[in-house]
PDB file of N, CA and C in Angstrom:
ATOM      1  N   MET A   1     104.133 123.750 125.388  1.00  0.00           N
ATOM      2  CA  MET A   1     104.866 123.863 124.139  1.00  0.00           C
ATOM      3  C   MET A   1     105.030 122.473 123.530  1.00  0.00           C
ATOM      4  N   ASP A   2     104.798 122.355 122.243  1.00  0.00           N
ATOM      5  CA  ASP A   2     104.871 121.078 121.542  1.00  0.00           C
ATOM      6  C   ASP A   2     106.256 120.921 120.932  1.00  0.00           C
ATOM      7  N   ASP A   3     106.943 119.821 121.266  1.00  0.00           N
ATOM      8  CA  ASP A   3     108.289 119.575 120.753  1.00  0.00           C
ATOM      9  C   ASP A   3     108.294 118.744 119.480  1.00  0.00           C
ATOM     10  N   ALA A   4     107.124 118.483 118.892  1.00  0.00           N
ATOM     11  CA  ALA A   4     107.047 117.643 117.695  1.00  0.00           C
ATOM     12  C   ALA A   4     107.726 118.336 116.520  1.00  0.00           C
ATOM     13  N   ASP A   5     108.380 117.555 115.706  1.00  0.00           N
ATOM     14  CA  ASP A   5     109.044 118.056 114.509  1.00  0.00           C
ATOM     15  C   ASP A   5     108.070 117.969 113.345  1.00  0.00           C
ATOM     16  N   PRO A   6     107.570 119.096 112.812  1.00  0.00           N
ATOM     17  CA  PRO A   6     106.575 119.030 111.745  1.00  0.00           C
ATOM     18  C   PRO A   6     107.104 118.364 110.482  1.00  0.00           C
ATOM     19  N   GLU A   7     108.406 118.489 110.205  1.00  0.00           N
ATOM     20  CA  GLU A   7     108.947 117.840 109.013  1.00  0.00           C
ATOM     21  C   GLU A   7     108.985 116.330 109.165  1.00  0.00           C
ATOM     22  N   GLY A   8     109.187 115.841 110.385  1.00  0.00           N
ATOM     23  CA  GLY A   8     109.273 114.410 110.626  1.00  0.00           C
ATOM     24  C   GLY A   8     107.947 113.800 111.018  1.00  0.00           C
ATOM     25  N   ALA A   9     106.881 114.597 110.959  1.00  0.00           N
ATOM     26  CA  ALA A   9     105.565 114.116 111.375  1.00  0.00           C
ATOM     27  C   ALA A   9     105.161 112.908 110.551  1.00  0.00           C
ATOM     28  N   GLY A  10     104.767 111.860 111.223  1.00  0.00           N
ATOM     29  CA  GLY A  10     104.279 110.669 110.552  1.00  0.00           C
ATOM     30  C   GLY A  10     105.373 109.693 110.140  1.00  0.00           C
ATOM     31  N   GLU A  11     106.638 110.079 110.206  1.00  0.00           N
ATOM     32  CA  GLU A  11     107.709 109.163 109.830  1.00  0.00           C
ATOM     33  C   GLU A  11     107.849 108.078 110.875  1.00  0.00           C
ATOM     34  N   MET A  12     107.994 106.866 110.400  1.00  0.00           N
ATOM     35  CA  MET A  12     108.134 105.745 111.312  1.00  0.00           C
ATOM     36  C   MET A  12     109.268 104.870 110.796  1.00  0.00           C
ATOM     37  N   LYS A  13     110.163 104.501 111.691  1.00  0.00           N
ATOM     38  CA  LYS A  13     111.279 103.626 111.335  1.00  0.00           C
ATOM     39  C   LYS A  13     110.753 102.241 110.963  1.00  0.00           C
ATOM     40  N   CYS A  14     111.442 101.582 110.063  1.00  0.00           N
ATOM     41  CA  CYS A  14     111.078 100.233 109.646  1.00  0.00           C
ATOM     42  C   CYS A  14     111.145  99.277 110.828  1.00  0.00           C
ATOM     43  N   SER A  15     110.203  98.354 110.870  1.00  0.00           N
ATOM     44  CA  SER A  15     110.136  97.394 111.967  1.00  0.00           C
ATOM     45  C   SER A  15     111.022  96.163 111.743  1.00  0.00           C
ATOM     46  N   ILE A  16     111.643  96.058 110.582  1.00  0.00           N
ATOM     47  CA  ILE A  16     112.529  94.937 110.289  1.00  0.00           C
ATOM     48  C   ILE A  16     113.880  95.207 110.949  1.00  0.00           C
ATOM     49  N   GLU A  17     114.318  94.283 111.781  1.00  0.00           N
ATOM     50  CA  GLU A  17     115.570  94.467 112.519  1.00  0.00           C
ATOM     51  C   GLU A  17     116.734  94.722 111.570  1.00  0.00           C
ATOM     52  N   GLY A  18     117.481  95.782 111.857  1.00  0.00           N
ATOM     53  CA  GLY A  18     118.659  96.114 111.081  1.00  0.00           C
ATOM     54  C   GLY A  18     118.393  96.967 109.854  1.00  0.00           C
ATOM     55  N   CYS A  19     117.136  97.164 109.495  1.00  0.00           N
ATOM     56  CA  CYS A  19     116.822  97.975 108.323  1.00  0.00           C
ATOM     57  C   CYS A  19     116.890  99.454 108.710  1.00  0.00           C
ATOM     58  N   PRO A  20     117.614 100.251 107.940  1.00  0.00           N
ATOM     59  CA  PRO A  20     117.753 101.670 108.263  1.00  0.00           C
ATOM     60  C   PRO A  20     116.625 102.544 107.711  1.00  0.00           C
ATOM     61  N   GLY A  21     115.674 101.945 107.018  1.00  0.00           N
ATOM     62  CA  GLY A  21     114.660 102.717 106.312  1.00  0.00           C
ATOM     63  C   GLY A  21     113.533 103.249 107.171  1.00  0.00           C
ATOM     64  N   ASP A  22     112.751 104.123 106.558  1.00  0.00           N
ATOM     65  CA  ASP A  22     111.521 104.660 107.132  1.00  0.00           C
ATOM     66  C   ASP A  22     110.362 104.250 106.227  1.00  0.00           C
ATOM     67  N   TYR A  23     109.181 104.201 106.813  1.00  0.00           N
ATOM     68  CA  TYR A  23     107.981 103.929 106.020  1.00  0.00           C
ATOM     69  C   TYR A  23     107.510 105.213 105.360  1.00  0.00           C
ATOM     70  N   GLU A  24     106.989 105.079 104.141  1.00  0.00           N
ATOM     71  CA  GLU A  24     106.391 106.200 103.431  1.00  0.00           C
ATOM     72  C   GLU A  24     105.078 105.730 102.831  1.00  0.00           C
ATOM     73  N   GLU A  25     104.136 106.642 102.724  1.00  0.00           N
ATOM     74  CA  GLU A  25     102.817 106.272 102.211  1.00  0.00           C
ATOM     75  C   GLU A  25     102.873 106.098 100.697  1.00  0.00           C
ATOM     76  N   ARG A  26     102.316 104.984 100.250  1.00  0.00           N
ATOM     77  CA  ARG A  26     102.233 104.663  98.820  1.00  0.00           C
ATOM     78  C   ARG A  26     100.915 103.951  98.555  1.00  0.00           C
ATOM     79  N   GLN A  27     100.627 103.734  97.296  1.00  0.00           N
ATOM     80  CA  GLN A  27      99.511 102.884  96.903  1.00  0.00           C
ATOM     81  C   GLN A  27     100.115 101.637  96.270  1.00  0.00           C
ATOM     82  N   ILE A  28      99.605 100.479  96.687  1.00  0.00           N
ATOM     83  CA  ILE A  28     100.158  99.210  96.224  1.00  0.00           C
ATOM     84  C   ILE A  28      99.077  98.346  95.585  1.00  0.00           C
ATOM     85  N   ALA A  29      99.509  97.290  94.927  1.00  0.00           N
ATOM     86  CA  ALA A  29      98.614  96.226  94.481  1.00  0.00           C
ATOM     87  C   ALA A  29      98.715  95.134  95.550  1.00  0.00           C
ATOM     88  N   HIS A  30      97.609  94.859  96.234  1.00  0.00           N
ATOM     89  CA  HIS A  30      97.583  93.893  97.335  1.00  0.00           C
ATOM     90  C   HIS A  30      96.958  92.591  96.837  1.00  0.00           C
ATOM     91  N   THR A  31      97.659  91.489  97.034  1.00  0.00           N
ATOM     92  CA  THR A  31      97.183  90.188  96.577  1.00  0.00           C
ATOM     93  C   THR A  31      96.725  89.373  97.774  1.00  0.00           C
ATOM     94  N   VAL A  32      95.564  88.730  97.634  1.00  0.00           N
ATOM     95  CA  VAL A  32      95.004  87.919  98.712  1.00  0.00           C
ATOM     96  C   VAL A  32      94.324  86.684  98.104  1.00  0.00           C
ATOM     97  N   ARG A  33      94.367  85.572  98.816  1.00  0.00           N
ATOM     98  CA  ARG A  33      93.636  84.374  98.386  1.00  0.00           C
ATOM     99  C   ARG A  33      92.336  84.349  99.175  1.00  0.00           C
ATOM    100  N   HIS A  34      91.211  84.314  98.459  1.00  0.00           N
ATOM    101  CA  HIS A  34      89.890  84.371  99.089  1.00  0.00           C
ATOM    102  C   HIS A  34      88.983  83.331  98.435  1.00  0.00           C
ATOM    103  N   LYS A  35      88.473  82.422  99.249  1.00  0.00           N
ATOM    104  CA  LYS A  35      87.577  81.358  98.764  1.00  0.00           C
ATOM    105  C   LYS A  35      88.175  80.623  97.569  1.00  0.00           C
ATOM    106  N   GLY A  36      89.480  80.330  97.665  1.00  0.00           N
ATOM    107  CA  GLY A  36      90.145  79.558  96.624  1.00  0.00           C
ATOM    108  C   GLY A  36      90.567  80.355  95.404  1.00  0.00           C
ATOM    109  N   GLN A  37      90.302  81.650  95.399  1.00  0.00           N
ATOM    110  CA  GLN A  37      90.682  82.479  94.259  1.00  0.00           C
ATOM    111  C   GLN A  37      91.771  83.462  94.670  1.00  0.00           C
ATOM    112  N   VAL A  38      92.649  83.762  93.724  1.00  0.00           N
ATOM    113  CA  VAL A  38      93.654  84.786  93.948  1.00  0.00           C
ATOM    114  C   VAL A  38      93.053  86.105  93.469  1.00  0.00           C
ATOM    115  N   ILE A  39      93.032  87.086  94.365  1.00  0.00           N
ATOM    116  CA  ILE A  39      92.424  88.376  94.055  1.00  0.00           C
ATOM    117  C   ILE A  39      93.480  89.462  94.251  1.00  0.00           C
ATOM    118  N   VAL A  40      93.575  90.357  93.293  1.00  0.00           N
ATOM    119  CA  VAL A  40      94.496  91.487  93.373  1.00  0.00           C
ATOM    120  C   VAL A  40      93.652  92.758  93.497  1.00  0.00           C
ATOM    121  N   ILE A  41      93.939  93.534  94.532  1.00  0.00           N
ATOM    122  CA  ILE A  41      93.236  94.794  94.749  1.00  0.00           C
ATOM    123  C   ILE A  41      94.256  95.905  94.525  1.00  0.00           C
ATOM    124  N   ASP A  42      93.988  96.759  93.554  1.00  0.00           N
ATOM    125  CA  ASP A  42      94.929  97.810  93.174  1.00  0.00           C
ATOM    126  C   ASP A  42      94.647  99.100  93.931  1.00  0.00           C
ATOM    127  N   HIS A  43      95.632  99.946  94.029  1.00  0.00           N
ATOM    128  CA  HIS A  43      95.537 101.280  94.644  1.00  0.00           C
ATOM    129  C   HIS A  43      95.208 101.215  96.130  1.00  0.00           C
ATOM    130  N   VAL A  44      95.783 100.243  96.840  1.00  0.00           N
ATOM    131  CA  VAL A  44      95.569 100.100  98.281  1.00  0.00           C
ATOM    132  C   VAL A  44      96.562 101.005  99.016  1.00  0.00           C
ATOM    133  N   PRO A  45      96.074 101.890  99.896  1.00  0.00           N
ATOM    134  CA  PRO A  45      96.999 102.734 100.654  1.00  0.00           C
ATOM    135  C   PRO A  45      97.785 101.890 101.654  1.00  0.00           C
ATOM    136  N   ALA A  46      99.093 102.119 101.710  1.00  0.00           N
ATOM    137  CA  ALA A  46      99.952 101.328 102.590  1.00  0.00           C
ATOM    138  C   ALA A  46     101.158 102.161 102.998  1.00  0.00           C
ATOM    139  N   GLU A  47     101.795 101.726 104.068  1.00  0.00           N
ATOM    140  CA  GLU A  47     103.075 102.288 104.478  1.00  0.00           C
ATOM    141  C   GLU A  47     104.135 101.305 103.992  1.00  0.00           C
ATOM    142  N   VAL A  48     105.079 101.769 103.177  1.00  0.00           N
ATOM    143  CA  VAL A  48     106.094 100.908 102.574  1.00  0.00           C
ATOM    144  C   VAL A  48     107.473 101.441 102.939  1.00  0.00           C
ATOM    145  N   CYS A  49     108.349 100.555 103.431  1.00  0.00           N
ATOM    146  CA  CYS A  49     109.720 100.951 103.756  1.00  0.00           C
ATOM    147  C   CYS A  49     110.472 101.197 102.453  1.00  0.00           C
ATOM    148  N   PHE A  50     111.071 102.374 102.344  1.00  0.00           N
ATOM    149  CA  PHE A  50     111.789 102.703 101.113  1.00  0.00           C
ATOM    150  C   PHE A  50     113.057 101.879 100.948  1.00  0.00           C
ATOM    151  N   ALA A  51     113.589 101.324 102.035  1.00  0.00           N
ATOM    152  CA  ALA A  51     114.847 100.584 101.957  1.00  0.00           C
ATOM    153  C   ALA A  51     114.638  99.102 101.652  1.00  0.00           C
ATOM    154  N   CYS A  52     113.717  98.447 102.382  1.00  0.00           N
ATOM    155  CA  CYS A  52     113.570  96.992 102.223  1.00  0.00           C
ATOM    156  C   CYS A  52     112.247  96.558 101.596  1.00  0.00           C
ATOM    157  N   GLY A  53     111.288  97.482 101.496  1.00  0.00           N
ATOM    158  CA  GLY A  53     110.017  97.150 100.864  1.00  0.00           C
ATOM    159  C   GLY A  53     108.980  96.553 101.797  1.00  0.00           C
ATOM    160  N   ASP A  54     109.260  96.460 103.110  1.00  0.00           N
ATOM    161  CA  ASP A  54     108.273  95.950 104.057  1.00  0.00           C
ATOM    162  C   ASP A  54     107.000  96.785 103.945  1.00  0.00           C
ATOM    163  N   VAL A  55     105.836  96.112 104.051  1.00  0.00           N
ATOM    164  CA  VAL A  55     104.550  96.777 103.860  1.00  0.00           C
ATOM    165  C   VAL A  55     103.709  96.661 105.121  1.00  0.00           C
ATOM    166  N   LEU A  56     103.118  97.792 105.529  1.00  0.00           N
ATOM    167  CA  LEU A  56     102.174  97.819 106.641  1.00  0.00           C
ATOM    168  C   LEU A  56     100.845  98.357 106.134  1.00  0.00           C
ATOM    169  N   LEU A  57      99.752  97.688 106.525  1.00  0.00           N
ATOM    170  CA  LEU A  57      98.406  98.163 106.206  1.00  0.00           C
ATOM    171  C   LEU A  57      97.738  98.632 107.489  1.00  0.00           C
ATOM    172  N   ARG A  58      97.047  99.746 107.423  1.00  0.00           N
ATOM    173  CA  ARG A  58      96.318 100.257 108.580  1.00  0.00           C
ATOM    174  C   ARG A  58      95.070  99.432 108.805  1.00  0.00           C
ATOM    175  N   ALA A  59      94.581  99.446 110.050  1.00  0.00           N
ATOM    176  CA  ALA A  59      93.402  98.656 110.417  1.00  0.00           C
ATOM    177  C   ALA A  59      92.204  99.019 109.550  1.00  0.00           C
ATOM    178  N   GLU A  60      91.994 100.306 109.275  1.00  0.00           N
ATOM    179  CA  GLU A  60      90.836 100.711 108.462  1.00  0.00           C
ATOM    180  C   GLU A  60      90.966 100.225 107.023  1.00  0.00           C
ATOM    181  N   THR A  61      92.203 100.109 106.535  1.00  0.00           N
ATOM    182  CA  THR A  61      92.425  99.583 105.185  1.00  0.00           C
ATOM    183  C   THR A  61      92.087  98.100 105.143  1.00  0.00           C
ATOM    184  N   ILE A  62      92.495  97.359 106.156  1.00  0.00           N
ATOM    185  CA  ILE A  62      92.183  95.929 106.221  1.00  0.00           C
ATOM    186  C   ILE A  62      90.669  95.714 106.305  1.00  0.00           C
ATOM    187  N   ARG A  63      89.991  96.534 107.112  1.00  0.00           N
ATOM    188  CA  ARG A  63      88.522  96.418 107.207  1.00  0.00           C
ATOM    189  C   ARG A  63      87.869  96.684 105.859  1.00  0.00           C
ATOM    190  N   ARG A  64      88.369  97.672 105.114  1.00  0.00           N
ATOM    191  CA  ARG A  64      87.805  97.981 103.793  1.00  0.00           C
ATOM    192  C   ARG A  64      88.043  96.828 102.823  1.00  0.00           C
ATOM    193  N   ILE A  65      89.214  96.220 102.871  1.00  0.00           N
ATOM    194  CA  ILE A  65      89.500  95.065 102.019  1.00  0.00           C
ATOM    195  C   ILE A  65      88.558  93.922 102.361  1.00  0.00           C
ATOM    196  N   GLU A  66      88.350  93.658 103.647  1.00  0.00           N
ATOM    197  CA  GLU A  66      87.422  92.607 104.070  1.00  0.00           C
ATOM    198  C   GLU A  66      86.008  92.886 103.580  1.00  0.00           C
ATOM    199  N   THR A  67      85.600  94.148 103.611  1.00  0.00           N
ATOM    200  CA  THR A  67      84.277  94.525 103.105  1.00  0.00           C
ATOM    201  C   THR A  67      84.187  94.271 101.608  1.00  0.00           C
ATOM    202  N   LEU A  68      85.214  94.675 100.861  1.00  0.00           N
ATOM    203  CA  LEU A  68      85.230  94.432  99.409  1.00  0.00           C
ATOM    204  C   LEU A  68      85.125  92.946  99.103  1.00  0.00           C
ATOM    205  N   LEU A  69      85.868  92.130  99.840  1.00  0.00           N
ATOM    206  CA  LEU A  69      85.837  90.687  99.606  1.00  0.00           C
ATOM    207  C   LEU A  69      84.470  90.102  99.949  1.00  0.00           C
ATOM    208  N   GLY A  70      83.830  90.634 100.979  1.00  0.00           N
ATOM    209  CA  GLY A  70      82.501  90.155 101.368  1.00  0.00           C
ATOM    210  C   GLY A  70      81.428  90.529 100.366  1.00  0.00           C
ATOM    211  N   GLU A  71      81.585  91.694  99.720  1.00  0.00           N
ATOM    212  CA  GLU A  71      80.604  92.155  98.738  1.00  0.00           C
ATOM    213  C   GLU A  71      80.785  91.478  97.391  1.00  0.00           C
ATOM    214  N   ALA A  72      81.980  90.964  97.140  1.00  0.00           N
ATOM    215  CA  ALA A  72      82.325  90.302  95.874  1.00  0.00           C
ATOM    216  C   ALA A  72      81.897  91.141  94.674  1.00  0.00           C
ATOM    217  N   PRO A  73      82.415  92.372  94.565  1.00  0.00           N
ATOM    218  CA  PRO A  73      82.055  93.196  93.405  1.00  0.00           C
ATOM    219  C   PRO A  73      82.640  92.613  92.129  1.00  0.00           C
ATOM    220  N   ARG A  74      82.087  93.027  91.019  1.00  0.00           N
ATOM    221  CA  ARG A  74      82.581  92.566  89.720  1.00  0.00           C
ATOM    222  C   ARG A  74      84.008  93.085  89.546  1.00  0.00           C
ATOM    223  N   PRO A  75      84.945  92.224  89.155  1.00  0.00           N
ATOM    224  CA  PRO A  75      86.334  92.673  89.000  1.00  0.00           C
ATOM    225  C   PRO A  75      86.476  93.688  87.867  1.00  0.00           C
ATOM    226  N   ALA A  76      87.428  94.594  88.035  1.00  0.00           N
ATOM    227  CA  ALA A  76      87.706  95.593  87.006  1.00  0.00           C
ATOM    228  C   ALA A  76      88.394  94.960  85.800  1.00  0.00           C
ATOM    229  N   GLY A  77      88.996  93.801  85.993  1.00  0.00           N
ATOM    230  CA  GLY A  77      89.681  93.097  84.914  1.00  0.00           C
ATOM    231  C   GLY A  77      90.143  91.742  85.387  1.00  0.00           C
ATOM    232  N   THR A  78      90.758  90.985  84.521  1.00  0.00           N
ATOM    233  CA  THR A  78      91.294  89.683  84.884  1.00  0.00           C
ATOM    234  C   THR A  78      92.732  89.597  84.391  1.00  0.00           C
ATOM    235  N   VAL A  79      93.493  88.724  85.046  1.00  0.00           N
ATOM    236  CA  VAL A  79      94.882  88.526  84.662  1.00  0.00           C
ATOM    237  C   VAL A  79      95.176  87.026  84.645  1.00  0.00           C
ATOM    238  N   PRO A  80      96.149  86.602  83.836  1.00  0.00           N
ATOM    239  CA  PRO A  80      96.518  85.186  83.858  1.00  0.00           C
ATOM    240  C   PRO A  80      97.201  84.829  85.167  1.00  0.00           C
ATOM    241  N   LEU A  81      97.013  83.612  85.616  1.00  0.00           N
ATOM    242  CA  LEU A  81      97.654  83.113  86.825  1.00  0.00           C
ATOM    243  C   LEU A  81      98.566  81.963  86.431  1.00  0.00           C
ATOM    244  N   TYR A  82      99.839  82.093  86.758  1.00  0.00           N
ATOM    245  CA  TYR A  82     100.807  81.049  86.477  1.00  0.00           C
ATOM    246  C   TYR A  82     101.231  80.395  87.773  1.00  0.00           C
ATOM    247  N   GLU A  83     101.420  79.076  87.750  1.00  0.00           N
ATOM    248  CA  GLU A  83     101.882  78.356  88.935  1.00  0.00           C
ATOM    249  C   GLU A  83     103.359  78.056  88.804  1.00  0.00           C
ATOM    250  N   TYR A  84     104.080  78.280  89.869  1.00  0.00           N
ATOM    251  CA  TYR A  84     105.498  77.976  89.904  1.00  0.00           C
ATOM    252  C   TYR A  84     105.618  76.514  90.287  1.00  0.00           C
ATOM    253  N   ALA A  85     106.084  75.708  89.384  1.00  0.00           N
ATOM    254  CA  ALA A  85     106.184  74.271  89.666  1.00  0.00           C
ATOM    255  C   ALA A  85     107.534  73.741  89.261  1.00  0.00           C
TER     256      ALA A  85
END
């Protein structure tokens, strides 16, 4: 007999000490610096804590991002970059 709770399936408590939140699946804009350039990848699947905003990426998502960066596809658009000085 399986004691798993189907409603709680996949819920994971936040890994930040003291945070009462759980992670939930969302799509995020992920920013990375690659070969001296700032690159933003939109619609990245991630687990995000609803309480504190901590973000976890799955291993397969990281591998896909690495593949995208290695292929250097043409960007869908460009954005201004401002430096905080």
